[in-house]
Structures are given as structure tokens and as C-alpha cells.
PDB file of N, CA and C in Angstrom:
ATOM      1  N   UNK A   1      99.671  95.073 112.369  1.00  0.00           N
ATOM      2  CA  UNK A   1     100.020  94.917 110.972  1.00  0.00           C
ATOM      3  C   UNK A   1      98.835  94.305 110.237  1.00  0.00           C
ATOM      4  N   UNK A   2      98.567  94.802 109.054  1.00  0.00           N
ATOM      5  CA  UNK A   2      97.427  94.342 108.273  1.00  0.00           C
ATOM      6  C   UNK A   2      97.918  93.737 106.969  1.00  0.00           C
ATOM      7  N   UNK A   3      98.347  92.468 107.017  1.00  0.00           N
ATOM      8  CA  UNK A   3      98.803  91.773 105.816  1.00  0.00           C
ATOM      9  C   UNK A   3      97.613  91.154 105.109  1.00  0.00           C
ATOM     10  N   UNK A   4      97.460  91.461 103.847  1.00  0.00           N
ATOM     11  CA  UNK A   4      96.370  90.907 103.057  1.00  0.00           C
ATOM     12  C   UNK A   4      96.917  89.944 102.013  1.00  0.00           C
ATOM     13  N   UNK A   5      98.034  90.351 101.395  1.00  0.00           N
ATOM     14  CA  UNK A   5      98.652  89.539 100.353  1.00  0.00           C
ATOM     15  C   UNK A   5     100.054  89.111 100.771  1.00  0.00           C
ATOM     16  N   UNK A   6     100.481  87.990 100.221  1.00  0.00           N
ATOM     17  CA  UNK A   6     101.813  87.472 100.492  1.00  0.00           C
ATOM     18  C   UNK A   6     102.858  88.462  99.987  1.00  0.00           C
ATOM     19  N   UNK A   7     103.825  88.830 100.815  1.00  0.00           N
ATOM     20  CA  UNK A   7     104.852  89.763 100.364  1.00  0.00           C
ATOM     21  C   UNK A   7     105.768  89.164  99.288  1.00  0.00           C
ATOM     22  N   UNK A   8     105.766  87.839  99.142  1.00  0.00           N
ATOM     23  CA  UNK A   8     106.635  87.192  98.155  1.00  0.00           C
ATOM     24  C   UNK A   8     105.951  87.061  96.787  1.00  0.00           C
ATOM     25  N   UNK A   9     104.768  86.426  96.769  1.00  0.00           N
ATOM     26  CA  UNK A   9     104.112  86.147  95.485  1.00  0.00           C
ATOM     27  C   UNK A   9     102.883  87.012  95.243  1.00  0.00           C
ATOM     28  N   UNK A  10     102.466  87.781  96.251  1.00  0.00           N
ATOM     29  CA  UNK A  10     101.336  88.706  96.183  1.00  0.00           C
ATOM     30  C   UNK A  10      99.973  88.013  96.114  1.00  0.00           C
ATOM     31  N   UNK A  11      99.930  86.706  96.379  1.00  0.00           N
ATOM     32  CA  UNK A  11      98.653  85.989  96.424  1.00  0.00           C
ATOM     33  C   UNK A  11      97.953  86.308  97.738  1.00  0.00           C
ATOM     34  N   UNK A  12      96.626  86.248  97.734  1.00  0.00           N
ATOM     35  CA  UNK A  12      95.861  86.557  98.943  1.00  0.00           C
ATOM     36  C   UNK A  12      96.183  85.553 100.052  1.00  0.00           C
ATOM     37  N   UNK A  13      96.450  86.078 101.242  1.00  0.00           N
ATOM     38  CA  UNK A  13      96.765  85.232 102.392  1.00  0.00           C
ATOM     39  C   UNK A  13      95.493  84.623 102.975  1.00  0.00           C
ATOM     40  N   UNK A  14      95.667  83.488 103.642  1.00  0.00           N
ATOM     41  CA  UNK A  14      94.572  82.781 104.285  1.00  0.00           C
ATOM     42  C   UNK A  14      94.791  82.802 105.795  1.00  0.00           C
ATOM     43  N   UNK A  15      93.736  83.019 106.551  1.00  0.00           N
ATOM     44  CA  UNK A  15      93.845  83.007 108.009  1.00  0.00           C
ATOM     45  C   UNK A  15      93.794  81.556 108.469  1.00  0.00           C
ATOM     46  N   UNK A  16      94.849  81.112 109.156  1.00  0.00           N
ATOM     47  CA  UNK A  16      94.940  79.726 109.603  1.00  0.00           C
ATOM     48  C   UNK A  16      95.034  79.585 111.120  1.00  0.00           C
ATOM     49  N   UNK A  17      95.268  80.715 111.832  1.00  0.00           N
ATOM     50  CA  UNK A  17      95.418  80.605 113.276  1.00  0.00           C
ATOM     51  C   UNK A  17      95.000  81.899 113.968  1.00  0.00           C
ATOM     52  N   UNK A  18      94.318  81.730 115.096  1.00  0.00           N
ATOM     53  CA  UNK A  18      94.016  82.835 116.003  1.00  0.00           C
ATOM     54  C   UNK A  18      94.661  82.505 117.341  1.00  0.00           C
ATOM     55  N   UNK A  19      95.152  83.545 118.000  1.00  0.00           N
ATOM     56  CA  UNK A  19      95.854  83.323 119.258  1.00  0.00           C
ATOM     57  C   UNK A  19      95.414  84.359 120.293  1.00  0.00           C
ATOM     58  N   UNK A  20      95.166  83.882 121.527  1.00  0.00           N
ATOM     59  CA  UNK A  20      94.834  84.777 122.635  1.00  0.00           C
ATOM     60  C   UNK A  20      96.104  84.986 123.456  1.00  0.00           C
ATOM     61  N   UNK A  21      96.647  86.201 123.492  1.00  0.00           N
ATOM     62  CA  UNK A  21      97.877  86.429 124.247  1.00  0.00           C
ATOM     63  C   UNK A  21      97.671  86.366 125.762  1.00  0.00           C
ATOM     64  N   UNK A  22      96.434  86.565 126.221  1.00  0.00           N
ATOM     65  CA  UNK A  22      96.191  86.554 127.661  1.00  0.00           C
ATOM     66  C   UNK A  22      96.280  85.136 128.236  1.00  0.00           C
ATOM     67  N   UNK A  23      95.591  84.190 127.607  1.00  0.00           N
ATOM     68  CA  UNK A  23      95.602  82.826 128.154  1.00  0.00           C
ATOM     69  C   UNK A  23      96.484  81.878 127.349  1.00  0.00           C
ATOM     70  N   UNK A  24      97.136  82.402 126.313  1.00  0.00           N
ATOM     71  CA  UNK A  24      98.081  81.640 125.494  1.00  0.00           C
ATOM     72  C   UNK A  24      97.441  80.433 124.802  1.00  0.00           C
ATOM     73  N   UNK A  25      96.198  80.585 124.377  1.00  0.00           N
ATOM     74  CA  UNK A  25      95.499  79.530 123.646  1.00  0.00           C
ATOM     75  C   UNK A  25      95.473  79.920 122.172  1.00  0.00           C
ATOM     76  N   UNK A  26      95.699  78.932 121.304  1.00  0.00           N
ATOM     77  CA  UNK A  26      95.645  79.149 119.868  1.00  0.00           C
ATOM     78  C   UNK A  26      94.587  78.247 119.240  1.00  0.00           C
ATOM     79  N   UNK A  27      93.953  78.756 118.196  1.00  0.00           N
ATOM     80  CA  UNK A  27      92.964  77.995 117.439  1.00  0.00           C
ATOM     81  C   UNK A  27      93.455  77.932 116.001  1.00  0.00           C
ATOM     82  N   UNK A  28      93.593  76.712 115.484  1.00  0.00           N
ATOM     83  CA  UNK A  28      94.055  76.542 114.117  1.00  0.00           C
ATOM     84  C   UNK A  28      92.931  75.993 113.250  1.00  0.00           C
ATOM     85  N   UNK A  29      92.941  76.376 112.005  1.00  0.00           N
ATOM     86  CA  UNK A  29      91.930  75.938 111.050  1.00  0.00           C
ATOM     87  C   UNK A  29      91.933  76.864 109.849  1.00  0.00           C
ATOM     88  N   UNK A  30      90.870  76.826 109.099  1.00  0.00           N
ATOM     89  CA  UNK A  30      90.703  77.736 107.963  1.00  0.00           C
ATOM     90  C   UNK A  30      89.575  78.694 108.310  1.00  0.00           C
ATOM     91  N   UNK A  31      89.935  79.962 108.507  1.00  0.00           N
ATOM     92  CA  UNK A  31      88.974  80.961 108.947  1.00  0.00           C
ATOM     93  C   UNK A  31      88.677  81.938 107.817  1.00  0.00           C
ATOM     94  N   UNK A  32      87.420  82.349 107.740  1.00  0.00           N
ATOM     95  CA  UNK A  32      87.034  83.327 106.731  1.00  0.00           C
ATOM     96  C   UNK A  32      87.403  84.722 107.207  1.00  0.00           C
ATOM     97  N   UNK A  33      87.775  85.547 106.253  1.00  0.00           N
ATOM     98  CA  UNK A  33      88.109  86.929 106.565  1.00  0.00           C
ATOM     99  C   UNK A  33      86.849  87.767 106.648  1.00  0.00           C
ATOM    100  N   UNK A  34      86.881  88.719 107.522  1.00  0.00           N
ATOM    101  CA  UNK A  34      85.854  89.732 107.599  1.00  0.00           C
ATOM    102  C   UNK A  34      86.071  90.676 106.420  1.00  0.00           C
ATOM    103  N   UNK A  35      85.014  91.124 105.773  1.00  0.00           N
ATOM    104  CA  UNK A  35      85.169  91.987 104.604  1.00  0.00           C
ATOM    105  C   UNK A  35      85.872  93.297 104.946  1.00  0.00           C
ATOM    106  N   UNK A  36      85.868  93.676 106.214  1.00  0.00           N
ATOM    107  CA  UNK A  36      86.551  94.898 106.629  1.00  0.00           C
ATOM    108  C   UNK A  36      88.065  94.727 106.722  1.00  0.00           C
ATOM    109  N   UNK A  37      88.527  93.493 106.703  1.00  0.00           N
ATOM    110  CA  UNK A  37      89.959  93.217 106.874  1.00  0.00           C
ATOM    111  C   UNK A  37      90.810  93.799 105.748  1.00  0.00           C
ATOM    112  N   UNK A  38      90.212  94.074 104.614  1.00  0.00           N
ATOM    113  CA  UNK A  38      90.964  94.585 103.479  1.00  0.00           C
ATOM    114  C   UNK A  38      91.285  96.071 103.542  1.00  0.00           C
ATOM    115  N   UNK A  39      90.718  96.764 104.521  1.00  0.00           N
ATOM    116  CA  UNK A  39      90.920  98.205 104.611  1.00  0.00           C
ATOM    117  C   UNK A  39      92.124  98.562 105.466  1.00  0.00           C
ATOM    118  N   UNK A  40      92.791  99.641 105.084  1.00  0.00           N
ATOM    119  CA  UNK A  40      93.873 100.179 105.911  1.00  0.00           C
ATOM    120  C   UNK A  40      93.251 100.912 107.097  1.00  0.00           C
ATOM    121  N   UNK A  41      94.070 101.241 108.085  1.00  0.00           N
ATOM    122  CA  UNK A  41      93.587 101.965 109.260  1.00  0.00           C
ATOM    123  C   UNK A  41      92.994 103.313 108.860  1.00  0.00           C
ATOM    124  N   UNK A  42      93.631 104.013 107.922  1.00  0.00           N
ATOM    125  CA  UNK A  42      93.115 105.327 107.518  1.00  0.00           C
ATOM    126  C   UNK A  42      91.796 105.194 106.764  1.00  0.00           C
ATOM    127  N   UNK A  43      91.645 104.133 105.978  1.00  0.00           N
ATOM    128  CA  UNK A  43      90.385 103.920 105.278  1.00  0.00           C
ATOM    129  C   UNK A  43      89.263 103.603 106.271  1.00  0.00           C
ATOM    130  N   UNK A  44      89.569 102.835 107.306  1.00  0.00           N
ATOM    131  CA  UNK A  44      88.561 102.533 108.325  1.00  0.00           C
ATOM    132  C   UNK A  44      88.139 103.794 109.073  1.00  0.00           C
ATOM    133  N   UNK A  45      89.100 104.675 109.364  1.00  0.00           N
ATOM    134  CA  UNK A  45      88.762 105.942 110.016  1.00  0.00           C
ATOM    135  C   UNK A  45      87.870 106.795 109.112  1.00  0.00           C
ATOM    136  N   UNK A  46      88.177 106.807 107.821  1.00  0.00           N
ATOM    137  CA  UNK A  46      87.376 107.561 106.869  1.00  0.00           C
ATOM    138  C   UNK A  46      85.952 107.002 106.828  1.00  0.00           C
ATOM    139  N   UNK A  47      85.823 105.685 106.765  1.00  0.00           N
ATOM    140  CA  UNK A  47      84.504 105.043 106.742  1.00  0.00           C
ATOM    141  C   UNK A  47      83.732 105.371 108.009  1.00  0.00           C
ATOM    142  N   UNK A  48      84.406 105.317 109.143  1.00  0.00           N
ATOM    143  CA  UNK A  48      83.772 105.632 110.433  1.00  0.00           C
ATOM    144  C   UNK A  48      83.226 107.054 110.423  1.00  0.00           C
ATOM    145  N   UNK A  49      84.043 108.012 109.990  1.00  0.00           N
ATOM    146  CA  UNK A  49      83.600 109.404 109.955  1.00  0.00           C
ATOM    147  C   UNK A  49      82.477 109.590 108.937  1.00  0.00           C
ATOM    148  N   UNK A  50      82.586 108.922 107.790  1.00  0.00           N
ATOM    149  CA  UNK A  50      81.543 108.977 106.759  1.00  0.00           C
ATOM    150  C   UNK A  50      80.201 108.550 107.348  1.00  0.00           C
ATOM    151  N   UNK A  51      80.218 107.483 108.128  1.00  0.00           N
ATOM    152  CA  UNK A  51      78.991 107.000 108.765  1.00  0.00           C
ATOM    153  C   UNK A  51      78.499 107.965 109.845  1.00  0.00           C
ATOM    154  N   UNK A  52      79.432 108.530 110.618  1.00  0.00           N
ATOM    155  CA  UNK A  52      79.052 109.460 111.675  1.00  0.00           C
ATOM    156  C   UNK A  52      78.380 110.727 111.139  1.00  0.00           C
ATOM    157  N   UNK A  53      78.822 111.174 109.949  1.00  0.00           N
ATOM    158  CA  UNK A  53      78.207 112.361 109.342  1.00  0.00           C
ATOM    159  C   UNK A  53      77.063 111.973 108.403  1.00  0.00           C
ATOM    160  N   UNK A  54      76.705 110.687 108.451  1.00  0.00           N
ATOM    161  CA  UNK A  54      75.589 110.143 107.677  1.00  0.00           C
ATOM    162  C   UNK A  54      75.715 110.408 106.182  1.00  0.00           C
ATOM    163  N   UNK A  55      76.939 110.298 105.676  1.00  0.00           N
ATOM    164  CA  UNK A  55      77.179 110.443 104.251  1.00  0.00           C
ATOM    165  C   UNK A  55      77.159 111.871 103.735  1.00  0.00           C
ATOM    166  N   UNK A  56      77.112 112.853 104.614  1.00  0.00           N
ATOM    167  CA  UNK A  56      77.081 114.253 104.200  1.00  0.00           C
ATOM    168  C   UNK A  56      78.501 114.659 103.774  1.00  0.00           C
ATOM    169  N   UNK A  57      78.710 114.760 102.457  1.00  0.00           N
ATOM    170  CA  UNK A  57      80.048 115.037 101.937  1.00  0.00           C
ATOM    171  C   UNK A  57      80.534 116.437 102.300  1.00  0.00           C
ATOM    172  N   UNK A  58      79.630 117.398 102.390  1.00  0.00           N
ATOM    173  CA  UNK A  58      80.031 118.756 102.792  1.00  0.00           C
ATOM    174  C   UNK A  58      80.567 118.743 104.222  1.00  0.00           C
ATOM    175  N   UNK A  59      79.899 118.009 105.112  1.00  0.00           N
ATOM    176  CA  UNK A  59      80.354 117.902 106.501  1.00  0.00           C
ATOM    177  C   UNK A  59      81.683 117.157 106.566  1.00  0.00           C
ATOM    178  N   UNK A  60      81.837 116.142 105.731  1.00  0.00           N
ATOM    179  CA  UNK A  60      83.083 115.389 105.670  1.00  0.00           C
ATOM    180  C   UNK A  60      84.231 116.295 105.210  1.00  0.00           C
ATOM    181  N   UNK A  61      83.965 117.113 104.191  1.00  0.00           N
ATOM    182  CA  UNK A  61      84.959 118.085 103.725  1.00  0.00           C
ATOM    183  C   UNK A  61      85.404 118.994 104.867  1.00  0.00           C
ATOM    184  N   UNK A  62      84.419 119.488 105.620  1.00  0.00           N
ATOM    185  CA  UNK A  62      84.692 120.429 106.708  1.00  0.00           C
ATOM    186  C   UNK A  62      85.505 119.751 107.819  1.00  0.00           C
ATOM    187  N   UNK A  63      85.098 118.564 108.219  1.00  0.00           N
ATOM    188  CA  UNK A  63      85.776 117.888 109.331  1.00  0.00           C
ATOM    189  C   UNK A  63      87.187 117.430 108.983  1.00  0.00           C
ATOM    190  N   UNK A  64      87.377 116.995 107.744  1.00  0.00           N
ATOM    191  CA  UNK A  64      88.698 116.493 107.345  1.00  0.00           C
ATOM    192  C   UNK A  64      89.586 117.575 106.741  1.00  0.00           C
ATOM    193  N   UNK A  65      88.970 118.678 106.338  1.00  0.00           N
ATOM    194  CA  UNK A  65      89.742 119.750 105.718  1.00  0.00           C
ATOM    195  C   UNK A  65      90.296 119.354 104.358  1.00  0.00           C
ATOM    196  N   UNK A  66      89.530 118.535 103.626  1.00  0.00           N
ATOM    197  CA  UNK A  66      89.959 118.109 102.290  1.00  0.00           C
ATOM    198  C   UNK A  66      88.876 118.467 101.285  1.00  0.00           C
ATOM    199  N   UNK A  67      89.245 118.470 100.019  1.00  0.00           N
ATOM    200  CA  UNK A  67      88.325 118.882  98.964  1.00  0.00           C
ATOM    201  C   UNK A  67      87.373 117.752  98.568  1.00  0.00           C
ATOM    202  N   UNK A  68      86.316 118.147  97.884  1.00  0.00           N
ATOM    203  CA  UNK A  68      85.336 117.188  97.374  1.00  0.00           C
ATOM    204  C   UNK A  68      86.000 116.144  96.476  1.00  0.00           C
ATOM    205  N   UNK A  69      86.857 116.533  95.521  1.00  0.00           N
ATOM    206  CA  UNK A  69      87.511 115.513  94.686  1.00  0.00           C
ATOM    207  C   UNK A  69      88.341 114.506  95.496  1.00  0.00           C
ATOM    208  N   UNK A  70      88.981 114.968  96.559  1.00  0.00           N
ATOM    209  CA  UNK A  70      89.759 114.065  97.404  1.00  0.00           C
ATOM    210  C   UNK A  70      88.839 113.065  98.097  1.00  0.00           C
ATOM    211  N   UNK A  71      87.703 113.538  98.562  1.00  0.00           N
ATOM    212  CA  UNK A  71      86.725 112.641  99.184  1.00  0.00           C
ATOM    213  C   UNK A  71      86.247 111.609  98.171  1.00  0.00           C
ATOM    214  N   UNK A  72      85.944 112.054  96.970  1.00  0.00           N
ATOM    215  CA  UNK A  72      85.492 111.125  95.922  1.00  0.00           C
ATOM    216  C   UNK A  72      86.568 110.094  95.609  1.00  0.00           C
ATOM    217  N   UNK A  73      87.833 110.520  95.587  1.00  0.00           N
ATOM    218  CA  UNK A  73      88.921 109.572  95.331  1.00  0.00           C
ATOM    219  C   UNK A  73      89.020 108.532  96.439  1.00  0.00           C
ATOM    220  N   UNK A  74      88.879 108.977  97.680  1.00  0.00           N
ATOM    221  CA  UNK A  74      88.934 108.040  98.814  1.00  0.00           C
ATOM    222  C   UNK A  74      87.773 107.057  98.767  1.00  0.00           C
ATOM    223  N   UNK A  75      86.589 107.552  98.432  1.00  0.00           N
ATOM    224  CA  UNK A  75      85.440 106.652  98.300  1.00  0.00           C
ATOM    225  C   UNK A  75      85.645 105.660  97.170  1.00  0.00           C
ATOM    226  N   UNK A  76      86.265 106.104  96.101  1.00  0.00           N
ATOM    227  CA  UNK A  76      86.565 105.219  94.981  1.00  0.00           C
ATOM    228  C   UNK A  76      87.538 104.119  95.394  1.00  0.00           C
ATOM    229  N   UNK A  77      88.561 104.481  96.165  1.00  0.00           N
ATOM    230  CA  UNK A  77      89.521 103.489  96.665  1.00  0.00           C
ATOM    231  C   UNK A  77      88.827 102.472  97.565  1.00  0.00           C
ATOM    232  N   UNK A  78      87.924 102.950  98.403  1.00  0.00           N
ATOM    233  CA  UNK A  78      87.181 102.064  99.300  1.00  0.00           C
ATOM    234  C   UNK A  78      86.297 101.113  98.496  1.00  0.00           C
ATOM    235  N   UNK A  79      85.656 101.628  97.457  1.00  0.00           N
ATOM    236  CA  UNK A  79      84.842 100.777  96.590  1.00  0.00           C
ATOM    237  C   UNK A  79      85.680  99.705  95.905  1.00  0.00           C
ATOM    238  N   UNK A  80      86.902 100.052  95.540  1.00  0.00           N
ATOM    239  CA  UNK A  80      87.793  99.071  94.922  1.00  0.00           C
ATOM    240  C   UNK A  80      88.119  97.941  95.895  1.00  0.00           C
ATOM    241  N   UNK A  81      88.318  98.277  97.163  1.00  0.00           N
ATOM    242  CA  UNK A  81      88.599  97.253  98.171  1.00  0.00           C
ATOM    243  C   UNK A  81      87.374  96.356  98.358  1.00  0.00           C
ATOM    244  N   UNK A  82      86.197  96.965  98.431  1.00  0.00           N
ATOM    245  CA  UNK A  82      84.963  96.202  98.649  1.00  0.00           C
ATOM    246  C   UNK A  82      84.692  95.261  97.479  1.00  0.00           C
ATOM    247  N   UNK A  83      84.807  95.767  96.262  1.00  0.00           N
ATOM    248  CA  UNK A  83      84.476  94.968  95.082  1.00  0.00           C
ATOM    249  C   UNK A  83      85.644  94.120  94.590  1.00  0.00           C
ATOM    250  N   UNK A  84      86.849  94.452  95.073  1.00  0.00           N
ATOM    251  CA  UNK A  84      88.082  93.775  94.635  1.00  0.00           C
ATOM    252  C   UNK A  84      88.330  93.937  93.136  1.00  0.00           C
ATOM    253  N   UNK A  85      87.782  95.014  92.591  1.00  0.00           N
ATOM    254  CA  UNK A  85      87.990  95.333  91.180  1.00  0.00           C
ATOM    255  C   UNK A  85      88.472  96.769  91.060  1.00  0.00           C
ATOM    256  N   UNK A  86      89.702  96.962  90.632  1.00  0.00           N
ATOM    257  CA  UNK A  86      90.168  98.340  90.443  1.00  0.00           C
ATOM    258  C   UNK A  86      89.408  99.024  89.305  1.00  0.00           C
ATOM    259  N   UNK A  87      89.242 100.322  89.445  1.00  0.00           N
ATOM    260  CA  UNK A  87      88.605 101.091  88.378  1.00  0.00           C
ATOM    261  C   UNK A  87      89.550 101.128  87.189  1.00  0.00           C
ATOM    262  N   UNK A  88      89.019 100.866  86.019  1.00  0.00           N
ATOM    263  CA  UNK A  88      89.839 100.871  84.811  1.00  0.00           C
ATOM    264  C   UNK A  88      90.402 102.265  84.569  1.00  0.00           C
ATOM    265  N   UNK A  89      91.643 102.315  84.081  1.00  0.00           N
ATOM    266  CA  UNK A  89      92.298 103.593  83.804  1.00  0.00           C
ATOM    267  C   UNK A  89      91.475 104.466  82.857  1.00  0.00           C
ATOM    268  N   UNK A  90      90.733 103.823  81.971  1.00  0.00           N
ATOM    269  CA  UNK A  90      89.999 104.568  80.956  1.00  0.00           C
ATOM    270  C   UNK A  90      88.563 104.882  81.380  1.00  0.00           C
ATOM    271  N   UNK A  91      88.154 104.497  82.590  1.00  0.00           N
ATOM    272  CA  UNK A  91      86.797 104.759  83.059  1.00  0.00           C
ATOM    273  C   UNK A  91      86.767 106.058  83.860  1.00  0.00           C
ATOM    274  N   UNK A  92      86.218 107.080  83.258  1.00  0.00           N
ATOM    275  CA  UNK A  92      86.151 108.394  83.895  1.00  0.00           C
ATOM    276  C   UNK A  92      84.708 108.852  84.071  1.00  0.00           C
ATOM    277  N   UNK A  93      83.759 107.911  84.007  1.00  0.00           N
ATOM    278  CA  UNK A  93      82.350 108.300  84.058  1.00  0.00           C
ATOM    279  C   UNK A  93      81.990 108.990  85.362  1.00  0.00           C
ATOM    280  N   UNK A  94      82.586 108.556  86.476  1.00  0.00           N
ATOM    281  CA  UNK A  94      82.282 109.202  87.756  1.00  0.00           C
ATOM    282  C   UNK A  94      82.787 110.639  87.778  1.00  0.00           C
ATOM    283  N   UNK A  95      83.973 110.857  87.218  1.00  0.00           N
ATOM    284  CA  UNK A  95      84.551 112.206  87.175  1.00  0.00           C
ATOM    285  C   UNK A  95      83.722 113.108  86.268  1.00  0.00           C
ATOM    286  N   UNK A  96      83.346 112.579  85.113  1.00  0.00           N
ATOM    287  CA  UNK A  96      82.546 113.372  84.175  1.00  0.00           C
ATOM    288  C   UNK A  96      81.160 113.680  84.753  1.00  0.00           C
ATOM    289  N   UNK A  97      80.593 112.755  85.516  1.00  0.00           N
ATOM    290  CA  UNK A  97      79.299 113.001  86.151  1.00  0.00           C
ATOM    291  C   UNK A  97      79.421 114.119  87.193  1.00  0.00           C
ATOM    292  N   UNK A  98      80.511 114.103  87.967  1.00  0.00           N
ATOM    293  CA  UNK A  98      80.736 115.164  88.955  1.00  0.00           C
ATOM    294  C   UNK A  98      80.920 116.514  88.273  1.00  0.00           C
ATOM    295  N   UNK A  99      81.607 116.515  87.139  1.00  0.00           N
ATOM    296  CA  UNK A  99      81.793 117.746  86.365  1.00  0.00           C
ATOM    297  C   UNK A  99      80.443 118.245  85.854  1.00  0.00           C
ATOM    298  N   UNK A 100      79.646 117.324  85.324  1.00  0.00           N
ATOM    299  CA  UNK A 100      78.325 117.670  84.788  1.00  0.00           C
ATOM    300  C   UNK A 100      77.400 118.223  85.874  1.00  0.00           C
ATOM    301  N   UNK A 101      77.507 117.693  87.084  1.00  0.00           N
ATOM    302  CA  UNK A 101      76.668 118.137  88.198  1.00  0.00           C
ATOM    303  C   UNK A 101      77.170 119.438  88.824  1.00  0.00           C
ATOM    304  N   UNK A 102      78.383 119.862  88.443  1.00  0.00           N
ATOM    305  CA  UNK A 102      78.926 121.098  88.983  1.00  0.00           C
ATOM    306  C   UNK A 102      79.656 120.936  90.310  1.00  0.00           C
ATOM    307  N   UNK A 103      79.904 119.675  90.719  1.00  0.00           N
ATOM    308  CA  UNK A 103      80.632 119.439  91.969  1.00  0.00           C
ATOM    309  C   UNK A 103      82.109 119.797  91.834  1.00  0.00           C
ATOM    310  N   UNK A 104      82.632 119.661  90.622  1.00  0.00           N
ATOM    311  CA  UNK A 104      84.033 119.986  90.347  1.00  0.00           C
ATOM    312  C   UNK A 104      84.096 120.825  89.083  1.00  0.00           C
ATOM    313  N   UNK A 105      85.218 121.547  88.917  1.00  0.00           N
ATOM    314  CA  UNK A 105      85.381 122.330  87.695  1.00  0.00           C
ATOM    315  C   UNK A 105      86.271 121.556  86.717  1.00  0.00           C
ATOM    316  N   UNK A 106      86.481 122.121  85.558  1.00  0.00           N
ATOM    317  CA  UNK A 106      87.240 121.444  84.503  1.00  0.00           C
ATOM    318  C   UNK A 106      88.669 121.140  84.950  1.00  0.00           C
ATOM    319  N   UNK A 107      89.315 122.086  85.615  1.00  0.00           N
ATOM    320  CA  UNK A 107      90.689 121.861  86.076  1.00  0.00           C
ATOM    321  C   UNK A 107      90.773 120.697  87.058  1.00  0.00           C
ATOM    322  N   UNK A 108      89.803 120.625  87.980  1.00  0.00           N
ATOM    323  CA  UNK A 108      89.782 119.517  88.938  1.00  0.00           C
ATOM    324  C   UNK A 108      89.545 118.193  88.220  1.00  0.00           C
ATOM    325  N   UNK A 109      88.650 118.189  87.240  1.00  0.00           N
ATOM    326  CA  UNK A 109      88.360 116.971  86.479  1.00  0.00           C
ATOM    327  C   UNK A 109      89.613 116.492  85.743  1.00  0.00           C
ATOM    328  N   UNK A 110      90.317 117.418  85.107  1.00  0.00           N
ATOM    329  CA  UNK A 110      91.539 117.048  84.382  1.00  0.00           C
ATOM    330  C   UNK A 110      92.604 116.512  85.343  1.00  0.00           C
ATOM    331  N   UNK A 111      92.710 117.129  86.500  1.00  0.00           N
ATOM    332  CA  UNK A 111      93.662 116.674  87.501  1.00  0.00           C
ATOM    333  C   UNK A 111      93.315 115.262  87.986  1.00  0.00           C
ATOM    334  N   UNK A 112      92.041 115.006  88.240  1.00  0.00           N
ATOM    335  CA  UNK A 112      91.612 113.695  88.703  1.00  0.00           C
ATOM    336  C   UNK A 112      91.854 112.621  87.628  1.00  0.00           C
ATOM    337  N   UNK A 113      91.608 112.971  86.377  1.00  0.00           N
ATOM    338  CA  UNK A 113      91.852 112.029  85.285  1.00  0.00           C
ATOM    339  C   UNK A 113      93.339 111.721  85.177  1.00  0.00           C
ATOM    340  N   UNK A 114      94.169 112.744  85.304  1.00  0.00           N
ATOM    341  CA  UNK A 114      95.626 112.528  85.252  1.00  0.00           C
ATOM    342  C   UNK A 114      96.091 111.616  86.379  1.00  0.00           C
ATOM    343  N   UNK A 115      95.593 111.854  87.584  1.00  0.00           N
ATOM    344  CA  UNK A 115      95.982 111.030  88.737  1.00  0.00           C
ATOM    345  C   UNK A 115      95.553 109.582  88.538  1.00  0.00           C
ATOM    346  N   UNK A 116      94.355 109.376  88.009  1.00  0.00           N
ATOM    347  CA  UNK A 116      93.869 108.007  87.785  1.00  0.00           C
ATOM    348  C   UNK A 116      94.724 107.296  86.750  1.00  0.00           C
ATOM    349  N   UNK A 117      95.141 108.026  85.730  1.00  0.00           N
ATOM    350  CA  UNK A 117      96.000 107.412  84.700  1.00  0.00           C
ATOM    351  C   UNK A 117      97.353 107.026  85.238  1.00  0.00           C
ATOM    352  N   UNK A 118      97.850 107.760  86.254  1.00  0.00           N
ATOM    353  CA  UNK A 118      99.152 107.468  86.861  1.00  0.00           C
ATOM    354  C   UNK A 118      99.137 106.209  87.707  1.00  0.00           C
ATOM    355  N   UNK A 119      97.968 105.856  88.252  1.00  0.00           N
ATOM    356  CA  UNK A 119      97.855 104.697  89.140  1.00  0.00           C
ATOM    357  C   UNK A 119      98.005 103.438  88.419  1.00  0.00           C
TER     358      UNK A 119
END
């Protein structure tokens, strides 16, 4: 289980104890979180594959069987976890840049903007 925030008040949880199930020893204190702790299992798998293909988005598309816009959305979600700042609903500069570069067409851009507004 990957708890990051309190299920009651939604405040960020603090690590206060580590436990070894083999020797039944526990360590208590205030421990810093690893920056990777904020990612879900699927996001970690995506990051792993991204690194294995050395950032080649075409290869990532092929291996995962997903579209370029979906990959961009996943990378955007990962960036939000890293920076702890959600992308503003009204910020579409990344989508417009992809449209301008020809990575996506107008229909895909409109779909991505609609999805971002729903979040």
C-alpha cells in the first residue's frame, strides 16, 4: 500500500517507523521520504520503461501500445508528482506546442484540453 496523504484530513503523512519483519526490529523517529515515494506502481513502471528506451517516445508508444498524447499525459502527471504542483486548468501551452510541432492533430489537442479541464 502506498499511502501519501491522510485518508481523513488529506494532509501529507510523515514516516515515523520502519519495521523489519524478518528479525522483528522496529526503528522509530522522523524519516525523510524518498522522492519516488509519491509515485503509484503504474507510474514507476512507466518511468522504468521510459528510462529503458532512453526517452524515445516512439519506442514507448510501440511497447505500451498507447498514443503519443497518452504518453504526454502520463509524463505530465509524473511531473506534477515531482514538482507537487498540478498543471493549471487554463495552461495548455504544452498541448499547443505539440500541435504546432505536428505531434498531434487538432482533434487530439481539443480532446486533451477537454480532459484537462475535467480534472
